[in-house]
């Protein structure tokens, strides 16, 4: 509970007060992985790693 309102303490930084952006990223990754359902765990991890490294 002590970290619930942390974004108020650091107004000079851009900290979102919701996790909507993070949820959107996870939803996009899930949809990419779901399309390629036959991937092994190793290849799935590579797909996620490449997606994150290219996007962010």
PDB file of N, CA and C in Angstrom:
ATOM      1  N   UNK A   1       0.809  -1.185   0.000  1.00  0.00           N
ATOM      2  CA  UNK A   1       0.000   0.000   0.000  1.00  0.00           C
ATOM      3  C   UNK A   1       0.861   1.260   0.000  1.00  0.00           C
ATOM      4  N   UNK A   2       2.066   1.159   0.534  1.00  0.00           N
ATOM      5  CA  UNK A   2       2.903   2.364   0.617  1.00  0.00           C
ATOM      6  C   UNK A   2       3.321   2.878  -0.762  1.00  0.00           C
ATOM      7  N   UNK A   3       3.305   2.018  -1.764  1.00  0.00           N
ATOM      8  CA  UNK A   3       3.725   2.429  -3.118  1.00  0.00           C
ATOM      9  C   UNK A   3       2.553   2.717  -4.046  1.00  0.00           C
ATOM     10  N   UNK A   4       1.352   2.661  -3.516  1.00  0.00           N
ATOM     11  CA  UNK A   4       0.169   2.832  -4.340  1.00  0.00           C
ATOM     12  C   UNK A   4       0.117   4.199  -5.008  1.00  0.00           C
ATOM     13  N   UNK A   5       0.515   5.243  -4.334  1.00  0.00           N
ATOM     14  CA  UNK A   5       0.444   6.612  -4.864  1.00  0.00           C
ATOM     15  C   UNK A   5       1.826   7.174  -5.152  1.00  0.00           C
ATOM     16  N   UNK A   6       2.778   6.337  -5.519  1.00  0.00           N
ATOM     17  CA  UNK A   6       4.150   6.757  -5.783  1.00  0.00           C
ATOM     18  C   UNK A   6       4.242   7.807  -6.874  1.00  0.00           C
ATOM     19  N   UNK A   7       3.401   7.743  -7.875  1.00  0.00           N
ATOM     20  CA  UNK A   7       3.481   8.690  -8.989  1.00  0.00           C
ATOM     21  C   UNK A   7       3.253  10.123  -8.526  1.00  0.00           C
ATOM     22  N   UNK A   8       2.586  10.326  -7.399  1.00  0.00           N
ATOM     23  CA  UNK A   8       2.401  11.678  -6.867  1.00  0.00           C
ATOM     24  C   UNK A   8       3.706  12.242  -6.293  1.00  0.00           C
ATOM     25  N   UNK A   9       4.577  11.365  -5.792  1.00  0.00           N
ATOM     26  CA  UNK A   9       5.829  11.808  -5.171  1.00  0.00           C
ATOM     27  C   UNK A   9       6.871  12.230  -6.196  1.00  0.00           C
ATOM     28  N   UNK A  10       6.758  11.775  -7.425  1.00  0.00           N
ATOM     29  CA  UNK A  10       7.750  12.063  -8.458  1.00  0.00           C
ATOM     30  C   UNK A  10       7.096  12.783  -9.632  1.00  0.00           C
ATOM     31  N   UNK A  11       6.637  13.959  -9.408  1.00  0.00           N
ATOM     32  CA  UNK A  11       5.933  14.720 -10.459  1.00  0.00           C
ATOM     33  C   UNK A  11       6.869  15.176 -11.572  1.00  0.00           C
ATOM     34  N   UNK A  12       8.184  15.236 -11.313  1.00  0.00           N
ATOM     35  CA  UNK A  12       9.132  15.644 -12.346  1.00  0.00           C
ATOM     36  C   UNK A  12       9.366  14.548 -13.380  1.00  0.00           C
ATOM     37  N   UNK A  13       9.029  13.310 -13.045  1.00  0.00           N
ATOM     38  CA  UNK A  13       9.159  12.187 -13.976  1.00  0.00           C
ATOM     39  C   UNK A  13       7.788  11.844 -14.536  1.00  0.00           C
ATOM     40  N   UNK A  14       7.805  11.176 -15.657  1.00  0.00           N
ATOM     41  CA  UNK A  14       6.533  10.779 -16.266  1.00  0.00           C
ATOM     42  C   UNK A  14       6.228   9.345 -15.838  1.00  0.00           C
ATOM     43  N   UNK A  15       5.428   9.215 -14.809  1.00  0.00           N
ATOM     44  CA  UNK A  15       5.004   7.914 -14.317  1.00  0.00           C
ATOM     45  C   UNK A  15       3.490   7.862 -14.464  1.00  0.00           C
ATOM     46  N   UNK A  16       2.981   6.940 -15.252  1.00  0.00           N
ATOM     47  CA  UNK A  16       1.521   6.881 -15.420  1.00  0.00           C
ATOM     48  C   UNK A  16       0.839   6.407 -14.133  1.00  0.00           C
ATOM     49  N   UNK A  17      -0.364   6.884 -13.906  1.00  0.00           N
ATOM     50  CA  UNK A  17      -1.087   6.466 -12.704  1.00  0.00           C
ATOM     51  C   UNK A  17      -1.948   5.228 -12.950  1.00  0.00           C
ATOM     52  N   UNK A  18      -1.915   4.691 -14.156  1.00  0.00           N
ATOM     53  CA  UNK A  18      -2.615   3.440 -14.461  1.00  0.00           C
ATOM     54  C   UNK A  18      -1.651   2.501 -15.174  1.00  0.00           C
ATOM     55  N   UNK A  19      -2.052   1.272 -15.313  1.00  0.00           N
ATOM     56  CA  UNK A  19      -1.215   0.310 -16.031  1.00  0.00           C
ATOM     57  C   UNK A  19      -1.789  -0.011 -17.402  1.00  0.00           C
ATOM     58  N   UNK A  20      -2.602   0.878 -17.951  1.00  0.00           N
ATOM     59  CA  UNK A  20      -3.237   0.636 -19.251  1.00  0.00           C
ATOM     60  C   UNK A  20      -2.219   0.450 -20.370  1.00  0.00           C
ATOM     61  N   UNK A  21      -1.147   1.217 -20.370  1.00  0.00           N
ATOM     62  CA  UNK A  21      -0.120   1.078 -21.403  1.00  0.00           C
ATOM     63  C   UNK A  21       0.545  -0.279 -21.353  1.00  0.00           C
ATOM     64  N   UNK A  22       0.830  -0.724 -20.154  1.00  0.00           N
ATOM     65  CA  UNK A  22       1.450  -2.034 -19.980  1.00  0.00           C
ATOM     66  C   UNK A  22       0.505  -3.149 -20.403  1.00  0.00           C
ATOM     67  N   UNK A  23      -0.760  -3.030 -20.050  1.00  0.00           N
ATOM     68  CA  UNK A  23      -1.754  -4.024 -20.456  1.00  0.00           C
ATOM     69  C   UNK A  23      -1.882  -4.084 -21.974  1.00  0.00           C
ATOM     70  N   UNK A  24      -1.777  -2.954 -22.637  1.00  0.00           N
ATOM     71  CA  UNK A  24      -1.858  -2.924 -24.101  1.00  0.00           C
ATOM     72  C   UNK A  24      -0.686  -3.655 -24.728  1.00  0.00           C
ATOM     73  N   UNK A  25       0.505  -3.465 -24.162  1.00  0.00           N
ATOM     74  CA  UNK A  25       1.695  -4.160 -24.673  1.00  0.00           C
ATOM     75  C   UNK A  25       1.528  -5.669 -24.500  1.00  0.00           C
ATOM     76  N   UNK A  26       1.071  -6.092 -23.320  1.00  0.00           N
ATOM     77  CA  UNK A  26       0.879  -7.523 -23.077  1.00  0.00           C
ATOM     78  C   UNK A  26      -0.182  -8.113 -24.000  1.00  0.00           C
ATOM     79  N   UNK A  27      -1.250  -7.376 -24.248  1.00  0.00           N
ATOM     80  CA  UNK A  27      -2.296  -7.861 -25.141  1.00  0.00           C
ATOM     81  C   UNK A  27      -1.762  -8.038 -26.553  1.00  0.00           C
ATOM     82  N   UNK A  28      -0.934  -7.100 -26.997  1.00  0.00           N
ATOM     83  CA  UNK A  28      -0.355  -7.199 -28.332  1.00  0.00           C
ATOM     84  C   UNK A  28       0.583  -8.402 -28.424  1.00  0.00           C
ATOM     85  N   UNK A  29       1.391  -8.610 -27.406  1.00  0.00           N
ATOM     86  CA  UNK A  29       2.301  -9.770 -27.393  1.00  0.00           C
ATOM     87  C   UNK A  29       1.488 -11.061 -27.390  1.00  0.00           C
ATOM     88  N   UNK A  30       0.437 -11.124 -26.582  1.00  0.00           N
ATOM     89  CA  UNK A  30      -0.402 -12.325 -26.538  1.00  0.00           C
ATOM     90  C   UNK A  30      -1.009 -12.636 -27.899  1.00  0.00           C
ATOM     91  N   UNK A  31      -1.469 -11.600 -28.592  1.00  0.00           N
ATOM     92  CA  UNK A  31      -2.073 -11.848 -29.903  1.00  0.00           C
ATOM     93  C   UNK A  31      -1.038 -12.346 -30.898  1.00  0.00           C
ATOM     94  N   UNK A  32       0.178 -11.829 -30.831  1.00  0.00           N
ATOM     95  CA  UNK A  32       1.242 -12.294 -31.725  1.00  0.00           C
ATOM     96  C   UNK A  32       1.595 -13.752 -31.437  1.00  0.00           C
ATOM     97  N   UNK A  33       1.678 -14.112 -30.169  1.00  0.00           N
ATOM     98  CA  UNK A  33       2.028 -15.479 -29.791  1.00  0.00           C
ATOM     99  C   UNK A  33       0.882 -16.432 -30.136  1.00  0.00           C
ATOM    100  N   UNK A  34      -0.359 -15.980 -29.951  1.00  0.00           N
ATOM    101  CA  UNK A  34      -1.518 -16.824 -30.233  1.00  0.00           C
ATOM    102  C   UNK A  34      -1.608 -17.176 -31.715  1.00  0.00           C
ATOM    103  N   UNK A  35      -1.226 -16.255 -32.581  1.00  0.00           N
ATOM    104  CA  UNK A  35      -1.270 -16.509 -34.018  1.00  0.00           C
ATOM    105  C   UNK A  35      -0.292 -17.622 -34.387  1.00  0.00           C
ATOM    106  N   UNK A  36       0.833 -17.650 -33.703  1.00  0.00           N
ATOM    107  CA  UNK A  36       1.867 -18.649 -33.964  1.00  0.00           C
ATOM    108  C   UNK A  36       1.798 -19.729 -32.888  1.00  0.00           C
ATOM    109  N   UNK A  37       0.710 -20.451 -32.841  1.00  0.00           N
ATOM    110  CA  UNK A  37       0.458 -21.384 -31.737  1.00  0.00           C
ATOM    111  C   UNK A  37       1.374 -22.606 -31.730  1.00  0.00           C
ATOM    112  N   UNK A  38       2.009 -22.919 -32.828  1.00  0.00           N
ATOM    113  CA  UNK A  38       2.852 -24.101 -32.888  1.00  0.00           C
ATOM    114  C   UNK A  38       4.285 -23.886 -32.446  1.00  0.00           C
ATOM    115  N   UNK A  39       4.588 -22.734 -31.899  1.00  0.00           N
ATOM    116  CA  UNK A  39       5.956 -22.432 -31.496  1.00  0.00           C
ATOM    117  C   UNK A  39       6.367 -23.209 -30.253  1.00  0.00           C
ATOM    118  N   UNK A  40       7.632 -23.612 -30.231  1.00  0.00           N
ATOM    119  CA  UNK A  40       8.166 -24.207 -29.014  1.00  0.00           C
ATOM    120  C   UNK A  40       8.403 -23.087 -28.010  1.00  0.00           C
ATOM    121  N   UNK A  41       8.655 -23.448 -26.773  1.00  0.00           N
ATOM    122  CA  UNK A  41       8.871 -22.443 -25.728  1.00  0.00           C
ATOM    123  C   UNK A  41      10.074 -21.562 -26.070  1.00  0.00           C
ATOM    124  N   UNK A  42      11.121 -22.173 -26.602  1.00  0.00           N
ATOM    125  CA  UNK A  42      12.335 -21.430 -26.977  1.00  0.00           C
ATOM    126  C   UNK A  42      12.036 -20.403 -28.070  1.00  0.00           C
ATOM    127  N   UNK A  43      11.311 -20.833 -29.109  1.00  0.00           N
ATOM    128  CA  UNK A  43      10.986 -19.923 -30.202  1.00  0.00           C
ATOM    129  C   UNK A  43       9.993 -18.835 -29.762  1.00  0.00           C
ATOM    130  N   UNK A  44       9.091 -19.189 -28.853  1.00  0.00           N
ATOM    131  CA  UNK A  44       8.150 -18.205 -28.324  1.00  0.00           C
ATOM    132  C   UNK A  44       8.900 -17.102 -27.572  1.00  0.00           C
ATOM    133  N   UNK A  45       9.886 -17.502 -26.781  1.00  0.00           N
ATOM    134  CA  UNK A  45      10.686 -16.526 -26.039  1.00  0.00           C
ATOM    135  C   UNK A  45      11.480 -15.634 -26.995  1.00  0.00           C
ATOM    136  N   UNK A  46      11.992 -16.205 -28.071  1.00  0.00           N
ATOM    137  CA  UNK A  46      12.705 -15.410 -29.076  1.00  0.00           C
ATOM    138  C   UNK A  46      11.775 -14.408 -29.745  1.00  0.00           C
ATOM    139  N   UNK A  47      10.547 -14.836 -30.057  1.00  0.00           N
ATOM    140  CA  UNK A  47       9.560 -13.948 -30.661  1.00  0.00           C
ATOM    141  C   UNK A  47       9.256 -12.770 -29.742  1.00  0.00           C
ATOM    142  N   UNK A  48       9.042 -13.047 -28.475  1.00  0.00           N
ATOM    143  CA  UNK A  48       8.743 -11.986 -27.512  1.00  0.00           C
ATOM    144  C   UNK A  48       9.934 -11.067 -27.344  1.00  0.00           C
ATOM    145  N   UNK A  49      11.129 -11.633 -27.262  1.00  0.00           N
ATOM    146  CA  UNK A  49      12.341 -10.825 -27.108  1.00  0.00           C
ATOM    147  C   UNK A  49      12.553  -9.908 -28.308  1.00  0.00           C
ATOM    148  N   UNK A  50      12.384 -10.445 -29.502  1.00  0.00           N
ATOM    149  CA  UNK A  50      12.543  -9.619 -30.707  1.00  0.00           C
ATOM    150  C   UNK A  50      11.482  -8.535 -30.778  1.00  0.00           C
ATOM    151  N   UNK A  51      10.242  -8.876 -30.421  1.00  0.00           N
ATOM    152  CA  UNK A  51       9.165  -7.882 -30.450  1.00  0.00           C
ATOM    153  C   UNK A  51       9.477  -6.715 -29.505  1.00  0.00           C
ATOM    154  N   UNK A  52       9.879  -7.039 -28.301  1.00  0.00           N
ATOM    155  CA  UNK A  52      10.184  -5.991 -27.320  1.00  0.00           C
ATOM    156  C   UNK A  52      11.389  -5.170 -27.750  1.00  0.00           C
ATOM    157  N   UNK A  53      12.416  -5.817 -28.270  1.00  0.00           N
ATOM    158  CA  UNK A  53      13.627  -5.080 -28.653  1.00  0.00           C
ATOM    159  C   UNK A  53      13.387  -4.177 -29.867  1.00  0.00           C
ATOM    160  N   UNK A  54      12.481  -4.569 -30.756  1.00  0.00           N
ATOM    161  CA  UNK A  54      12.182  -3.730 -31.929  1.00  0.00           C
ATOM    162  C   UNK A  54      11.201  -2.610 -31.613  1.00  0.00           C
ATOM    163  N   UNK A  55      10.306  -2.848 -30.685  1.00  0.00           N
ATOM    164  CA  UNK A  55       9.273  -1.862 -30.368  1.00  0.00           C
ATOM    165  C   UNK A  55       9.744  -0.815 -29.358  1.00  0.00           C
ATOM    166  N   UNK A  56      10.598  -1.231 -28.415  1.00  0.00           N
ATOM    167  CA  UNK A  56      10.939  -0.316 -27.314  1.00  0.00           C
ATOM    168  C   UNK A  56      12.391  -0.146 -27.130  1.00  0.00           C
TER     169      UNK A  56
END
